[in-house]
Amino acid sequence: MCVLWLPLEPVKKENGTAFMKGSHLWDKLFMRVRFTDGHPGGEAMEVNGKTYHAPPDVNADPSAYELLQWDMALGDCIFFDMRTLHGGLSKTVPTETIRRFTLRMTAPDGVIRYRGDWAAGERAEFEAAGYREGGALDGDFFPRLYP
């Protein structure tokens, strides 16, 4: 899966998303972390036969990682592999919403794979709309970009 991130207003790199260079090549899957969760440690868990690891605590030692961030102007965009570790580096919850457009894209044969309790909110929405584990990524929630 790939993601297109397009700012709808100028964004200073300190307020945007940081990317851990090369992390998509580590052959390792990571649990998602939200801003409000900080970057907690945790045990790896297995979901659908795949191991998901807690992401490293980047805020504890940012200099240990090669982090990429950019000031973004209108017309700029970032296109990245979803396996790339990314997120905000702030140790506090953001006080402003960054207005942006995000588009996630997958291969035509992509299927739904629920990945653990950290995505329970999204899973409830999908299941309420009739989407099940292993189901096709199509329909109202997953419009086709190009037939």
C-alpha atoms as a PDB file:
ATOM      1  CA  MET A   1       0.000   0.000   0.000  1.00  0.00           C
ATOM      2  CA  CYS A   2       1.209   3.498  -0.829  1.00  0.00           C
ATOM      3  CA  VAL A   3       0.105   6.828   0.595  1.00  0.00           C
ATOM      4  CA  LEU A   4      -0.155  10.261  -1.001  1.00  0.00           C
ATOM      5  CA  TRP A   5       0.020  13.087   1.566  1.00  0.00           C
ATOM      6  CA  LEU A   6      -0.905  16.516   0.191  1.00  0.00           C
ATOM      7  CA  PRO A   7      -0.985  19.612   2.444  1.00  0.00           C
ATOM      8  CA  LEU A   8      -3.903  21.994   1.949  1.00  0.00           C
ATOM      9  CA  GLU A   9      -1.984  24.820   3.628  1.00  0.00           C
ATOM     10  CA  PRO A  10       1.720  25.505   4.256  1.00  0.00           C
ATOM     11  CA  VAL A  11       3.184  23.208   6.926  1.00  0.00           C
ATOM     12  CA  LYS A  12       6.491  23.751   8.751  1.00  0.00           C
ATOM     13  CA  LYS A  13       8.472  20.534   9.067  1.00  0.00           C
ATOM     14  CA  GLU A  14       8.331  20.716  12.871  1.00  0.00           C
ATOM     15  CA  ASN A  15       4.532  20.415  12.676  1.00  0.00           C
ATOM     16  CA  GLY A  16       4.404  17.791   9.936  1.00  0.00           C
ATOM     17  CA  THR A  17       5.224  14.148   9.604  1.00  0.00           C
ATOM     18  CA  ALA A  18       8.687  12.666  10.048  1.00  0.00           C
ATOM     19  CA  PHE A  19       9.797   9.584   8.123  1.00  0.00           C
ATOM     20  CA  MET A  20      12.409   7.070   9.253  1.00  0.00           C
ATOM     21  CA  LYS A  21      14.641   6.689   6.209  1.00  0.00           C
ATOM     22  CA  GLY A  22      14.837   3.124   4.888  1.00  0.00           C
ATOM     23  CA  SER A  23      12.445   1.630   7.459  1.00  0.00           C
ATOM     24  CA  HIS A  24      10.239   0.212   4.684  1.00  0.00           C
ATOM     25  CA  LEU A  25      13.151  -2.082   3.781  1.00  0.00           C
ATOM     26  CA  TRP A  26      13.567  -3.594   7.263  1.00  0.00           C
ATOM     27  CA  ASP A  27      11.282  -6.561   6.484  1.00  0.00           C
ATOM     28  CA  LYS A  28       9.471  -5.805   9.732  1.00  0.00           C
ATOM     29  CA  LEU A  29       5.898  -4.694  10.392  1.00  0.00           C
ATOM     30  CA  PHE A  30       5.027  -2.201  13.129  1.00  0.00           C
ATOM     31  CA  MET A  31       1.946  -1.360  15.166  1.00  0.00           C
ATOM     32  CA  ARG A  32       0.429   2.046  14.567  1.00  0.00           C
ATOM     33  CA  VAL A  33       0.971   4.728  17.188  1.00  0.00           C
ATOM     34  CA  ARG A  34      -1.220   7.807  17.577  1.00  0.00           C
ATOM     35  CA  PHE A  35      -0.034  11.251  18.700  1.00  0.00           C
ATOM     36  CA  THR A  36      -2.007  10.946  21.939  1.00  0.00           C
ATOM     37  CA  ASP A  37      -0.336   7.619  22.782  1.00  0.00           C
ATOM     38  CA  GLY A  38       3.177   8.998  22.672  1.00  0.00           C
ATOM     39  CA  HIS A  39       5.540   6.228  21.592  1.00  0.00           C
ATOM     40  CA  PRO A  40       4.969   3.454  24.126  1.00  0.00           C
ATOM     41  CA  GLY A  41       7.051   0.316  24.125  1.00  0.00           C
ATOM     42  CA  GLY A  42       5.366  -3.018  24.107  1.00  0.00           C
ATOM     43  CA  GLU A  43       5.539  -6.614  23.152  1.00  0.00           C
ATOM     44  CA  ALA A  44       5.330  -7.792  19.586  1.00  0.00           C
ATOM     45  CA  MET A  45       2.018  -9.372  18.675  1.00  0.00           C
ATOM     46  CA  GLU A  46       0.935 -11.781  15.992  1.00  0.00           C
ATOM     47  CA  VAL A  47      -2.085 -10.948  13.836  1.00  0.00           C
ATOM     48  CA  ASN A  48      -3.193 -13.100  10.898  1.00  0.00           C
ATOM     49  CA  GLY A  49       0.102 -14.987  10.983  1.00  0.00           C
ATOM     50  CA  LYS A  50       2.251 -11.833  10.832  1.00  0.00           C
ATOM     51  CA  THR A  51       4.286 -10.321  13.653  1.00  0.00           C
ATOM     52  CA  TYR A  52       3.773  -6.619  14.396  1.00  0.00           C
ATOM     53  CA  HIS A  53       6.394  -4.895  16.529  1.00  0.00           C
ATOM     54  CA  ALA A  54       6.103  -1.819  18.709  1.00  0.00           C
ATOM     55  CA  PRO A  55       7.842   1.044  16.925  1.00  0.00           C
ATOM     56  CA  PRO A  56      11.101   2.287  18.421  1.00  0.00           C
ATOM     57  CA  ASP A  57      10.843   5.190  20.869  1.00  0.00           C
ATOM     58  CA  VAL A  58      12.092   7.837  18.462  1.00  0.00           C
ATOM     59  CA  ASN A  59      11.484  10.684  20.941  1.00  0.00           C
ATOM     60  CA  ALA A  60      13.857   9.083  23.471  1.00  0.00           C
ATOM     61  CA  ASP A  61      16.825   9.466  21.112  1.00  0.00           C
ATOM     62  CA  PRO A  62      15.986  11.122  17.755  1.00  0.00           C
ATOM     63  CA  SER A  63      19.680  11.323  16.810  1.00  0.00           C
ATOM     64  CA  ALA A  64      19.818   7.501  16.667  1.00  0.00           C
ATOM     65  CA  TYR A  65      17.675   7.529  13.514  1.00  0.00           C
ATOM     66  CA  GLU A  66      17.903   9.207  10.127  1.00  0.00           C
ATOM     67  CA  LEU A  67      14.649  11.157  10.130  1.00  0.00           C
ATOM     68  CA  LEU A  68      13.370  13.007   7.091  1.00  0.00           C
ATOM     69  CA  GLN A  69      11.067  16.045   7.341  1.00  0.00           C
ATOM     70  CA  TRP A  70      10.283  18.898   5.011  1.00  0.00           C
ATOM     71  CA  ASP A  71       8.557  22.246   5.016  1.00  0.00           C
ATOM     72  CA  MET A  72       5.563  21.763   2.741  1.00  0.00           C
ATOM     73  CA  ALA A  73       3.986  24.434   0.530  1.00  0.00           C
ATOM     74  CA  LEU A  74       0.796  24.281  -1.487  1.00  0.00           C
ATOM     75  CA  GLY A  75       1.438  22.056  -4.475  1.00  0.00           C
ATOM     76  CA  ASP A  76       3.988  19.860  -2.634  1.00  0.00           C
ATOM     77  CA  CYS A  77       3.215  16.241  -1.821  1.00  0.00           C
ATOM     78  CA  ILE A  78       4.801  13.164  -0.282  1.00  0.00           C
ATOM     79  CA  PHE A  79       4.207   9.714  -1.734  1.00  0.00           C
ATOM     80  CA  PHE A  80       5.450   6.851   0.434  1.00  0.00           C
ATOM     81  CA  ASP A  81       5.314   3.123   1.125  1.00  0.00           C
ATOM     82  CA  MET A  82       2.947   2.504   4.066  1.00  0.00           C
ATOM     83  CA  ARG A  83       5.569   0.297   5.752  1.00  0.00           C
ATOM     84  CA  THR A  84       7.757   3.373   6.267  1.00  0.00           C
ATOM     85  CA  LEU A  85       7.735   4.318   9.942  1.00  0.00           C
ATOM     86  CA  HIS A  86       6.249   7.796  10.101  1.00  0.00           C
ATOM     87  CA  GLY A  87       4.538  10.137  12.523  1.00  0.00           C
ATOM     88  CA  GLY A  88       4.830  13.290  14.546  1.00  0.00           C
ATOM     89  CA  LEU A  89       7.842  13.784  16.767  1.00  0.00           C
ATOM     90  CA  SER A  90       6.169  16.077  19.259  1.00  0.00           C
ATOM     91  CA  LYS A  91       6.030  14.760  22.830  1.00  0.00           C
ATOM     92  CA  THR A  92       2.705  16.531  23.273  1.00  0.00           C
ATOM     93  CA  VAL A  93      -0.644  16.272  21.535  1.00  0.00           C
ATOM     94  CA  PRO A  94      -0.821  18.731  18.620  1.00  0.00           C
ATOM     95  CA  THR A  95      -2.884  21.850  19.337  1.00  0.00           C
ATOM     96  CA  GLU A  96      -3.744  22.506  15.686  1.00  0.00           C
ATOM     97  CA  THR A  97      -5.142  20.358  12.939  1.00  0.00           C
ATOM     98  CA  ILE A  98      -3.004  20.196   9.839  1.00  0.00           C
ATOM     99  CA  ARG A  99      -5.353  20.397   6.894  1.00  0.00           C
ATOM    100  CA  ARG A 100      -4.310  17.818   4.348  1.00  0.00           C
ATOM    101  CA  PHE A 101      -5.585  15.344   1.818  1.00  0.00           C
ATOM    102  CA  THR A 102      -4.469  11.746   2.270  1.00  0.00           C
ATOM    103  CA  LEU A 103      -5.024   9.008  -0.281  1.00  0.00           C
ATOM    104  CA  ARG A 104      -4.122   5.366   0.351  1.00  0.00           C
ATOM    105  CA  MET A 105      -3.656   3.124  -2.684  1.00  0.00           C
ATOM    106  CA  THR A 106      -3.296  -0.628  -3.019  1.00  0.00           C
ATOM    107  CA  ALA A 107      -3.075  -3.219  -5.772  1.00  0.00           C
ATOM    108  CA  PRO A 108      -6.380  -4.274  -7.374  1.00  0.00           C
ATOM    109  CA  ASP A 109      -6.247  -7.623  -5.549  1.00  0.00           C
ATOM    110  CA  GLY A 110      -5.761  -6.012  -2.107  1.00  0.00           C
ATOM    111  CA  VAL A 111      -7.888  -7.420   0.734  1.00  0.00           C
ATOM    112  CA  ILE A 112      -8.884  -6.295   4.221  1.00  0.00           C
ATOM    113  CA  ARG A 113      -6.561  -7.470   6.986  1.00  0.00           C
ATOM    114  CA  TYR A 114      -7.418  -6.258  10.466  1.00  0.00           C
ATOM    115  CA  ARG A 115      -4.207  -5.736  12.418  1.00  0.00           C
ATOM    116  CA  GLY A 116      -4.991  -5.760  16.102  1.00  0.00           C
ATOM    117  CA  ASP A 117      -6.698  -3.797  18.833  1.00  0.00           C
ATOM    118  CA  TRP A 118      -4.894  -0.552  18.015  1.00  0.00           C
ATOM    119  CA  ALA A 119      -7.191  -0.208  14.972  1.00  0.00           C
ATOM    120  CA  ALA A 120     -10.427  -1.215  16.766  1.00  0.00           C
ATOM    121  CA  GLY A 121     -12.215   2.059  15.947  1.00  0.00           C
ATOM    122  CA  GLU A 122     -11.641   1.775  12.225  1.00  0.00           C
ATOM    123  CA  ARG A 123     -12.493  -1.934  12.283  1.00  0.00           C
ATOM    124  CA  ALA A 124     -15.864  -1.203  13.919  1.00  0.00           C
ATOM    125  CA  GLU A 125     -16.671   1.323  11.167  1.00  0.00           C
ATOM    126  CA  PHE A 126     -15.685  -1.097   8.410  1.00  0.00           C
ATOM    127  CA  GLU A 127     -17.612  -4.012   9.923  1.00  0.00           C
ATOM    128  CA  ALA A 128     -20.714  -1.853  10.429  1.00  0.00           C
ATOM    129  CA  ALA A 129     -20.568  -1.141   6.689  1.00  0.00           C
ATOM    130  CA  GLY A 130     -20.322  -4.868   5.871  1.00  0.00           C
ATOM    131  CA  TYR A 131     -16.561  -5.210   5.331  1.00  0.00           C
ATOM    132  CA  ARG A 132     -15.059  -8.425   6.739  1.00  0.00           C
ATOM    133  CA  GLU A 133     -11.600  -9.917   7.204  1.00  0.00           C
ATOM    134  CA  GLY A 134     -10.269 -11.063   3.824  1.00  0.00           C
ATOM    135  CA  GLY A 135     -12.891  -9.075   1.902  1.00  0.00           C
ATOM    136  CA  ALA A 136     -12.081  -7.117  -1.231  1.00  0.00           C
ATOM    137  CA  LEU A 137     -11.060  -3.470  -1.009  1.00  0.00           C
ATOM    138  CA  ASP A 138     -13.918  -2.132  -3.097  1.00  0.00           C
ATOM    139  CA  GLY A 139     -17.295  -0.485  -2.654  1.00  0.00           C
ATOM    140  CA  ASP A 140     -18.167   2.851  -1.073  1.00  0.00           C
ATOM    141  CA  PHE A 141     -15.292   2.844   1.431  1.00  0.00           C
ATOM    142  CA  PHE A 142     -12.723   1.932  -1.228  1.00  0.00           C
ATOM    143  CA  PRO A 143     -13.520   3.659  -4.513  1.00  0.00           C
ATOM    144  CA  ARG A 144     -11.485   2.582  -7.515  1.00  0.00           C
ATOM    145  CA  LEU A 145      -9.155   5.327  -8.696  1.00  0.00           C
ATOM    146  CA  TYR A 146      -8.697   3.907 -12.178  1.00  0.00           C
ATOM    147  CA  PRO A 147     -10.583   0.923 -13.651  1.00  0.00           C
END
